[in-house]
Amino acid sequence: MGGSGQLSYLKGIETTPFFGTMRFLTVLGLLSLPTYGGNEGKAGWTLVGFVDQHAWEPPFGHYDRGYPGFEPYAKERRS
């Protein structure tokens, strides 16, 4: 099969349910936890800008700034 034959074949299967399922599973593998066998070296997370951090320090973002009653814990009380 030549280059144009391959392209037309791929365009033909692009809309099949099988191709959709394979694409979906590939994206899941790209974004999964590395302990599940995908996302080697956290490459997928780097690609989308995900930061693998268990906890975040306040303030969390611009949406918290004017929140009435929001008072971050004093640093000396944290353990």
Protein backbone atom coordinates (compact mmCIF):
# COMPACT_ATOMS: atom_id res chain seq x y z
CA MET A 1 0.00 0.00 0.00
CA GLY A 2 1.48 3.37 -0.97
CA GLY A 3 1.41 6.61 1.01
CA SER A 4 -1.87 7.83 -0.48
CA GLY A 5 -3.46 4.39 -0.06
CA GLN A 6 -2.48 4.34 3.61
CA LEU A 7 -3.91 7.80 4.20
CA SER A 8 -7.22 6.97 2.55
CA TYR A 9 -7.45 3.72 4.55
CA LEU A 10 -6.77 5.56 7.82
CA LYS A 11 -9.31 8.26 6.97
CA GLY A 12 -11.83 5.47 6.32
CA ILE A 13 -11.41 3.81 9.72
CA GLU A 14 -11.15 7.07 11.64
CA THR A 15 -14.90 7.17 12.32
CA THR A 16 -15.36 3.50 13.28
CA PRO A 17 -16.31 2.51 16.84
CA PHE A 18 -13.11 0.45 17.12
CA PHE A 19 -10.92 3.45 16.30
CA GLY A 20 -12.84 5.61 18.79
CA THR A 21 -12.34 3.03 21.52
CA MET A 22 -8.62 2.69 20.77
CA ARG A 23 -8.20 6.48 20.79
CA PHE A 24 -10.05 6.74 24.11
CA LEU A 25 -7.92 4.03 25.72
CA THR A 26 -4.73 5.63 24.40
CA VAL A 27 -5.65 8.97 25.98
CA LEU A 28 -6.50 7.21 29.26
CA GLY A 29 -3.09 5.50 29.24
CA LEU A 30 -1.39 8.82 28.55
CA LEU A 31 -3.04 10.45 31.57
CA SER A 32 -3.15 7.52 34.00
CA LEU A 33 -1.09 6.99 37.12
CA PRO A 34 2.34 5.63 36.18
CA THR A 35 1.85 2.80 38.71
CA TYR A 36 -0.93 1.46 36.44
CA GLY A 37 1.55 0.97 33.60
CA GLY A 38 0.91 4.05 31.48
CA ASN A 39 2.18 7.61 31.49
CA GLU A 40 5.87 6.64 31.44
CA GLY A 41 7.93 9.24 33.28
CA LYS A 42 4.75 11.29 33.82
CA ALA A 43 5.07 12.51 30.22
CA GLY A 44 1.29 12.85 29.80
CA TRP A 45 0.98 14.98 32.91
CA THR A 46 3.84 17.19 31.73
CA LEU A 47 2.11 17.55 28.36
CA VAL A 48 -1.11 18.90 29.91
CA GLY A 49 0.60 20.88 32.70
CA PHE A 50 -0.59 18.73 35.62
CA VAL A 51 1.47 19.15 38.79
CA ASP A 52 1.74 15.93 40.79
CA GLN A 53 1.48 17.40 44.28
CA HIS A 54 -0.45 15.82 47.14
CA ALA A 55 -1.38 19.01 48.99
CA TRP A 56 -1.43 22.73 48.26
CA GLU A 57 -0.75 25.67 50.54
CA PRO A 58 -3.30 28.49 50.71
CA PRO A 59 -4.10 30.70 48.96
CA PHE A 60 -5.09 28.19 46.32
CA GLY A 61 -5.88 30.65 43.57
CA HIS A 62 -7.37 33.94 42.53
CA TYR A 63 -10.87 32.64 43.36
CA ASP A 64 -10.03 32.52 47.12
CA ARG A 65 -8.83 36.11 47.54
CA GLY A 66 -12.09 37.83 48.38
CA TYR A 67 -13.83 34.91 50.08
CA PRO A 68 -15.51 36.19 53.28
CA GLY A 69 -14.41 34.26 56.33
CA PHE A 70 -11.40 32.67 54.66
CA GLU A 71 -8.44 32.93 57.01
CA PRO A 72 -5.42 30.76 56.32
CA TYR A 73 -3.89 29.03 59.31
CA ALA A 74 -1.03 30.89 60.94
CA LYS A 75 2.35 29.38 59.98
CA GLU A 76 3.35 28.77 63.61
CA ARG A 77 0.26 26.56 64.18
CA ARG A 78 1.00 24.25 61.24
CA SER A 79 2.74 21.00 61.94
